[in-house]
PDB file of N, CA and C in Angstrom:
ATOM      1  N   MET A   1       6.850  -8.494 -23.882  1.00  0.00           N
ATOM      2  CA  MET A   1       6.774  -7.678 -23.927  1.00  0.00           C
ATOM      3  C   MET A   1       5.297  -7.216 -22.362  1.00  0.00           C
ATOM      4  N   LEU A   2       4.805  -8.109 -22.148  1.00  0.00           N
ATOM      5  CA  LEU A   2       4.389  -7.874 -20.459  1.00  0.00           C
ATOM      6  C   LEU A   2       4.602  -7.688 -19.470  1.00  0.00           C
ATOM      7  N   LYS A   3       5.778  -8.032 -19.041  1.00  0.00           N
ATOM      8  CA  LYS A   3       7.305  -8.270 -17.974  1.00  0.00           C
ATOM      9  C   LYS A   3       7.294  -6.787 -18.272  1.00  0.00           C
ATOM     10  N   GLN A   4       7.902  -5.914 -19.017  1.00  0.00           N
ATOM     11  CA  GLN A   4       8.351  -4.958 -19.490  1.00  0.00           C
ATOM     12  C   GLN A   4       7.270  -3.762 -18.888  1.00  0.00           C
ATOM     13  N   TYR A   5       6.069  -4.049 -18.854  1.00  0.00           N
ATOM     14  CA  TYR A   5       4.921  -3.494 -18.778  1.00  0.00           C
ATOM     15  C   TYR A   5       4.880  -3.095 -16.964  1.00  0.00           C
ATOM     16  N   LYS A   6       4.932  -4.684 -16.828  1.00  0.00           N
ATOM     17  CA  LYS A   6       4.876  -4.817 -15.449  1.00  0.00           C
ATOM     18  C   LYS A   6       6.033  -3.880 -14.530  1.00  0.00           C
ATOM     19  N   GLU A   7       6.852  -4.011 -14.990  1.00  0.00           N
ATOM     20  CA  GLU A   7       8.732  -3.668 -14.894  1.00  0.00           C
ATOM     21  C   GLU A   7       8.220  -1.837 -14.535  1.00  0.00           C
ATOM     22  N   ALA A   8       7.100  -1.169 -15.799  1.00  0.00           N
ATOM     23  CA  ALA A   8       7.287   0.021 -16.142  1.00  0.00           C
ATOM     24  C   ALA A   8       6.460   0.289 -14.945  1.00  0.00           C
ATOM     25  N   ILE A   9       5.339  -0.353 -14.540  1.00  0.00           N
ATOM     26  CA  ILE A   9       4.426   0.100 -13.675  1.00  0.00           C
ATOM     27  C   ILE A   9       4.573   0.071 -12.426  1.00  0.00           C
ATOM     28  N   GLU A  10       5.607  -0.860 -12.312  1.00  0.00           N
ATOM     29  CA  GLU A  10       5.986  -0.814 -10.316  1.00  0.00           C
ATOM     30  C   GLU A  10       7.514   0.327 -10.115  1.00  0.00           C
ATOM     31  N   LYS A  11       8.197   0.793 -11.030  1.00  0.00           N
ATOM     32  CA  LYS A  11       9.137   1.750 -10.932  1.00  0.00           C
ATOM     33  C   LYS A  11       8.438   2.871 -10.995  1.00  0.00           C
ATOM     34  N   SER A  12       6.764   3.110 -11.494  1.00  0.00           N
ATOM     35  CA  SER A  12       7.053   4.489 -11.581  1.00  0.00           C
ATOM     36  C   SER A  12       5.743   5.089 -10.908  1.00  0.00           C
ATOM     37  N   ASN A  13       5.488   4.044 -10.292  1.00  0.00           N
ATOM     38  CA  ASN A  13       3.713   4.339  -8.934  1.00  0.00           C
ATOM     39  C   ASN A  13       4.415   3.357  -7.628  1.00  0.00           C
ATOM     40  N   ILE A  14       3.141   4.222  -7.033  1.00  0.00           N
ATOM     41  CA  ILE A  14       3.446   3.222  -5.833  1.00  0.00           C
ATOM     42  C   ILE A  14       2.177   1.815  -5.801  1.00  0.00           C
ATOM     43  N   ILE A  15       2.731   0.844  -4.838  1.00  0.00           N
ATOM     44  CA  ILE A  15       1.332   0.342  -5.388  1.00  0.00           C
ATOM     45  C   ILE A  15       1.712  -0.323  -4.014  1.00  0.00           C
ATOM     46  N   SER A  16       0.390  -0.972  -3.828  1.00  0.00           N
ATOM     47  CA  SER A  16      -0.115  -1.580  -2.171  1.00  0.00           C
ATOM     48  C   SER A  16      -0.888  -2.157  -2.953  1.00  0.00           C
ATOM     49  N   LYS A  17      -1.405  -3.640  -1.792  1.00  0.00           N
ATOM     50  CA  LYS A  17      -2.024  -4.592  -1.990  1.00  0.00           C
ATOM     51  C   LYS A  17      -3.005  -5.263  -0.678  1.00  0.00           C
ATOM     52  N   THR A  18      -4.158  -5.075  -0.390  1.00  0.00           N
ATOM     53  CA  THR A  18      -4.332  -5.502   1.132  1.00  0.00           C
ATOM     54  C   THR A  18      -5.597  -6.856   0.665  1.00  0.00           C
ATOM     55  N   ASP A  19      -5.807  -7.555   1.854  1.00  0.00           N
ATOM     56  CA  ASP A  19      -7.368  -8.519   2.108  1.00  0.00           C
ATOM     57  C   ASP A  19      -8.323  -7.589   2.389  1.00  0.00           C
ATOM     58  N   THR A  20      -9.079  -8.223   2.528  1.00  0.00           N
ATOM     59  CA  THR A  20     -10.479  -7.652   2.539  1.00  0.00           C
ATOM     60  C   THR A  20     -10.249  -6.975   3.998  1.00  0.00           C
ATOM     61  N   LYS A  21      -9.460  -7.164   4.596  1.00  0.00           N
ATOM     62  CA  LYS A  21      -9.511  -6.446   6.410  1.00  0.00           C
ATOM     63  C   LYS A  21      -8.416  -5.577   6.224  1.00  0.00           C
ATOM     64  N   GLY A  22      -8.357  -4.900   5.022  1.00  0.00           N
ATOM     65  CA  GLY A  22      -6.981  -3.883   5.448  1.00  0.00           C
ATOM     66  C   GLY A  22      -5.789  -4.300   5.528  1.00  0.00           C
ATOM     67  N   ILE A  23      -5.656  -5.244   5.310  1.00  0.00           N
ATOM     68  CA  ILE A  23      -4.113  -6.097   6.158  1.00  0.00           C
ATOM     69  C   ILE A  23      -3.129  -6.146   4.964  1.00  0.00           C
ATOM     70  N   ILE A  24      -2.188  -5.270   4.896  1.00  0.00           N
ATOM     71  CA  ILE A  24      -1.392  -5.577   3.722  1.00  0.00           C
ATOM     72  C   ILE A  24      -0.316  -6.314   3.115  1.00  0.00           C
ATOM     73  N   THR A  25      -0.778  -7.180   1.992  1.00  0.00           N
ATOM     74  CA  THR A  25      -0.383  -7.881   1.574  1.00  0.00           C
ATOM     75  C   THR A  25       0.710  -8.414  -0.342  1.00  0.00           C
ATOM     76  N   PHE A  26       1.246  -6.847  -0.261  1.00  0.00           N
ATOM     77  CA  PHE A  26       2.058  -7.164  -1.175  1.00  0.00           C
ATOM     78  C   PHE A  26       2.519  -5.085  -1.094  1.00  0.00           C
ATOM     79  N   VAL A  27       3.551  -4.877  -1.507  1.00  0.00           N
ATOM     80  CA  VAL A  27       3.719  -3.243  -1.632  1.00  0.00           C
ATOM     81  C   VAL A  27       5.059  -3.261  -2.352  1.00  0.00           C
ATOM     82  N   ASN A  28       5.436  -2.528  -3.237  1.00  0.00           N
ATOM     83  CA  ASN A  28       6.455  -2.724  -4.299  1.00  0.00           C
ATOM     84  C   ASN A  28       7.804  -1.582  -3.812  1.00  0.00           C
ATOM     85  N   ASP A  29       8.559  -1.184  -4.499  1.00  0.00           N
ATOM     86  CA  ASP A  29       9.797  -0.997  -3.815  1.00  0.00           C
ATOM     87  C   ASP A  29       9.315   0.457  -3.586  1.00  0.00           C
ATOM     88  N   GLU A  30       8.742   1.039  -4.373  1.00  0.00           N
ATOM     89  CA  GLU A  30       8.433   2.379  -4.377  1.00  0.00           C
ATOM     90  C   GLU A  30       7.655   3.062  -3.190  1.00  0.00           C
ATOM     91  N   PHE A  31       6.348   2.166  -3.308  1.00  0.00           N
ATOM     92  CA  PHE A  31       5.507   1.944  -2.297  1.00  0.00           C
ATOM     93  C   PHE A  31       6.212   2.247  -0.562  1.00  0.00           C
ATOM     94  N   CYS A  32       7.587   1.284  -0.521  1.00  0.00           N
ATOM     95  CA  CYS A  32       8.566   1.361   0.954  1.00  0.00           C
ATOM     96  C   CYS A  32       9.042   2.704   0.467  1.00  0.00           C
ATOM     97  N   LYS A  33       9.720   3.300  -0.209  1.00  0.00           N
ATOM     98  CA  LYS A  33      10.650   4.467  -0.658  1.00  0.00           C
ATOM     99  C   LYS A  33       9.870   5.493  -0.253  1.00  0.00           C
ATOM    100  N   ILE A  34       8.437   5.630  -0.682  1.00  0.00           N
ATOM    101  CA  ILE A  34       8.035   6.640   0.284  1.00  0.00           C
ATOM    102  C   ILE A  34       7.297   6.831   1.296  1.00  0.00           C
ATOM    103  N   SER A  35       6.782   5.980   1.630  1.00  0.00           N
ATOM    104  CA  SER A  35       6.227   5.413   3.152  1.00  0.00           C
ATOM    105  C   SER A  35       7.653   5.058   4.158  1.00  0.00           C
ATOM    106  N   GLY A  36       8.921   4.873   4.007  1.00  0.00           N
ATOM    107  CA  GLY A  36       9.951   5.240   4.567  1.00  0.00           C
ATOM    108  C   GLY A  36      10.135   3.685   5.493  1.00  0.00           C
ATOM    109  N   TYR A  37       9.129   2.981   5.237  1.00  0.00           N
ATOM    110  CA  TYR A  37       9.199   1.526   5.868  1.00  0.00           C
ATOM    111  C   TYR A  37       9.409   0.653   4.522  1.00  0.00           C
ATOM    112  N   SER A  38      10.133  -1.073   5.804  1.00  0.00           N
ATOM    113  CA  SER A  38      10.334  -1.519   4.726  1.00  0.00           C
ATOM    114  C   SER A  38       8.958  -3.310   4.116  1.00  0.00           C
ATOM    115  N   LYS A  39       9.577  -3.704   3.292  1.00  0.00           N
ATOM    116  CA  LYS A  39       8.465  -5.136   3.179  1.00  0.00           C
ATOM    117  C   LYS A  39       8.322  -5.007   4.377  1.00  0.00           C
ATOM    118  N   GLU A  40       8.882  -6.425   4.951  1.00  0.00           N
ATOM    119  CA  GLU A  40       9.181  -6.475   6.769  1.00  0.00           C
ATOM    120  C   GLU A  40       8.200  -5.817   7.486  1.00  0.00           C
ATOM    121  N   GLU A  41       8.520  -4.297   7.557  1.00  0.00           N
ATOM    122  CA  GLU A  41       7.442  -3.746   8.126  1.00  0.00           C
ATOM    123  C   GLU A  41       6.086  -3.533   8.446  1.00  0.00           C
ATOM    124  N   LEU A  42       6.026  -3.180   6.387  1.00  0.00           N
ATOM    125  CA  LEU A  42       4.584  -3.425   6.315  1.00  0.00           C
ATOM    126  C   LEU A  42       3.358  -4.513   6.306  1.00  0.00           C
ATOM    127  N   LEU A  43       4.134  -5.907   5.800  1.00  0.00           N
ATOM    128  CA  LEU A  43       3.734  -6.760   5.479  1.00  0.00           C
ATOM    129  C   LEU A  43       3.151  -7.486   6.455  1.00  0.00           C
ATOM    130  N   GLY A  44       1.886  -8.197   6.624  1.00  0.00           N
ATOM    131  CA  GLY A  44       0.856  -8.279   7.163  1.00  0.00           C
ATOM    132  C   GLY A  44       0.195  -7.057   8.745  1.00  0.00           C
ATOM    133  N   LYS A  45       0.270  -6.131   8.382  1.00  0.00           N
ATOM    134  CA  LYS A  45       0.562  -4.542   9.011  1.00  0.00           C
ATOM    135  C   LYS A  45      -1.436  -4.129   8.242  1.00  0.00           C
ATOM    136  N   ASN A  46      -1.744  -3.476   9.331  1.00  0.00           N
ATOM    137  CA  ASN A  46      -3.289  -2.558   8.642  1.00  0.00           C
ATOM    138  C   ASN A  46      -2.455  -1.819   7.586  1.00  0.00           C
ATOM    139  N   HIS A  47      -3.101  -1.639   6.869  1.00  0.00           N
ATOM    140  CA  HIS A  47      -2.888  -0.918   5.879  1.00  0.00           C
ATOM    141  C   HIS A  47      -2.740   1.347   6.944  1.00  0.00           C
ATOM    142  N   ASN A  48      -3.504   0.574   7.674  1.00  0.00           N
ATOM    143  CA  ASN A  48      -3.626   2.283   8.468  1.00  0.00           C
ATOM    144  C   ASN A  48      -2.135   2.899   9.193  1.00  0.00           C
ATOM    145  N   ILE A  49      -1.298   1.993   9.367  1.00  0.00           N
ATOM    146  CA  ILE A  49       0.448   2.121   9.382  1.00  0.00           C
ATOM    147  C   ILE A  49       1.065   3.162   8.634  1.00  0.00           C
ATOM    148  N   VAL A  50       0.496   3.352   7.186  1.00  0.00           N
ATOM    149  CA  VAL A  50       0.647   4.441   6.615  1.00  0.00           C
ATOM    150  C   VAL A  50      -0.113   5.326   6.361  1.00  0.00           C
ATOM    151  N   ARG A  51      -1.446   5.377   6.851  1.00  0.00           N
ATOM    152  CA  ARG A  51      -2.477   6.631   7.249  1.00  0.00           C
ATOM    153  C   ARG A  51      -1.698   8.019   7.992  1.00  0.00           C
ATOM    154  N   HIS A  52      -1.423   9.531   7.002  1.00  0.00           N
ATOM    155  CA  HIS A  52      -1.800  10.679   8.251  1.00  0.00           C
ATOM    156  C   HIS A  52      -2.002  10.548   9.393  1.00  0.00           C
ATOM    157  N   PRO A  53      -1.536  11.007  10.286  1.00  0.00           N
ATOM    158  CA  PRO A  53      -2.205  11.447  11.367  1.00  0.00           C
ATOM    159  C   PRO A  53      -3.252  12.900  11.000  1.00  0.00           C
ATOM    160  N   ASP A  54      -3.284  13.348  10.290  1.00  0.00           N
ATOM    161  CA  ASP A  54      -4.123  14.543  10.237  1.00  0.00           C
ATOM    162  C   ASP A  54      -5.196  13.926   9.534  1.00  0.00           C
ATOM    163  N   VAL A  55      -5.239  12.624   8.973  1.00  0.00           N
ATOM    164  CA  VAL A  55      -6.186  12.356   8.193  1.00  0.00           C
ATOM    165  C   VAL A  55      -7.051  11.398   9.609  1.00  0.00           C
ATOM    166  N   PRO A  56      -8.835  11.886   8.991  1.00  0.00           N
ATOM    167  CA  PRO A  56      -9.730  11.307  10.278  1.00  0.00           C
ATOM    168  C   PRO A  56      -9.739   9.626   9.766  1.00  0.00           C
ATOM    169  N   SER A  57      -9.756   8.887  10.291  1.00  0.00           N
ATOM    170  CA  SER A  57     -10.636   7.181   9.679  1.00  0.00           C
ATOM    171  C   SER A  57     -11.294   7.212   9.353  1.00  0.00           C
ATOM    172  N   GLU A  58     -12.408   8.051   9.036  1.00  0.00           N
ATOM    173  CA  GLU A  58     -13.611   7.972   9.179  1.00  0.00           C
ATOM    174  C   GLU A  58     -13.881   8.168   7.923  1.00  0.00           C
ATOM    175  N   ASN A  59     -12.644   9.094   7.006  1.00  0.00           N
ATOM    176  CA  ASN A  59     -12.664   9.483   5.897  1.00  0.00           C
ATOM    177  C   ASN A  59     -12.148   7.626   4.978  1.00  0.00           C
ATOM    178  N   PHE A  60     -12.027   6.621   5.751  1.00  0.00           N
ATOM    179  CA  PHE A  60     -11.916   5.660   4.955  1.00  0.00           C
ATOM    180  C   PHE A  60     -12.436   4.788   4.745  1.00  0.00           C
ATOM    181  N   LYS A  61     -13.562   4.948   5.810  1.00  0.00           N
ATOM    182  CA  LYS A  61     -14.985   3.932   6.507  1.00  0.00           C
ATOM    183  C   LYS A  61     -15.650   3.137   4.955  1.00  0.00           C
ATOM    184  N   PHE A  62     -15.664   4.278   4.283  1.00  0.00           N
ATOM    185  CA  PHE A  62     -16.314   3.908   2.827  1.00  0.00           C
ATOM    186  C   PHE A  62     -15.463   3.023   2.109  1.00  0.00           C
ATOM    187  N   LEU A  63     -14.394   3.243   1.976  1.00  0.00           N
ATOM    188  CA  LEU A  63     -13.240   2.617   1.001  1.00  0.00           C
ATOM    189  C   LEU A  63     -13.427   0.789   1.626  1.00  0.00           C
ATOM    190  N   TRP A  64     -12.858   1.397   2.827  1.00  0.00           N
ATOM    191  CA  TRP A  64     -12.754  -0.435   3.639  1.00  0.00           C
ATOM    192  C   TRP A  64     -14.452  -1.036   3.576  1.00  0.00           C
ATOM    193  N   ASP A  65     -15.018  -0.170   3.227  1.00  0.00           N
ATOM    194  CA  ASP A  65     -16.676  -0.975   3.406  1.00  0.00           C
ATOM    195  C   ASP A  65     -16.775  -1.646   2.446  1.00  0.00           C
ATOM    196  N   THR A  66     -16.371  -0.955   0.921  1.00  0.00           N
ATOM    197  CA  THR A  66     -16.760  -1.599  -0.146  1.00  0.00           C
ATOM    198  C   THR A  66     -15.839  -2.845  -0.975  1.00  0.00           C
TER     199      THR A  66
END
């Protein structure tokens, strides 16, 4: 049953995981579809790679500082 919940969540949500420095350590297939990047292009990169250029980086300072 837990496996079914995991599959349902991964197919209906975009999911990314980073380390404490903002380096992407996991993305699901939906995240790749939305971002337009492959897993290989995302893993090991800073999460800023998917930040829209119109959004100031200062908006994310609090997020990364917590």
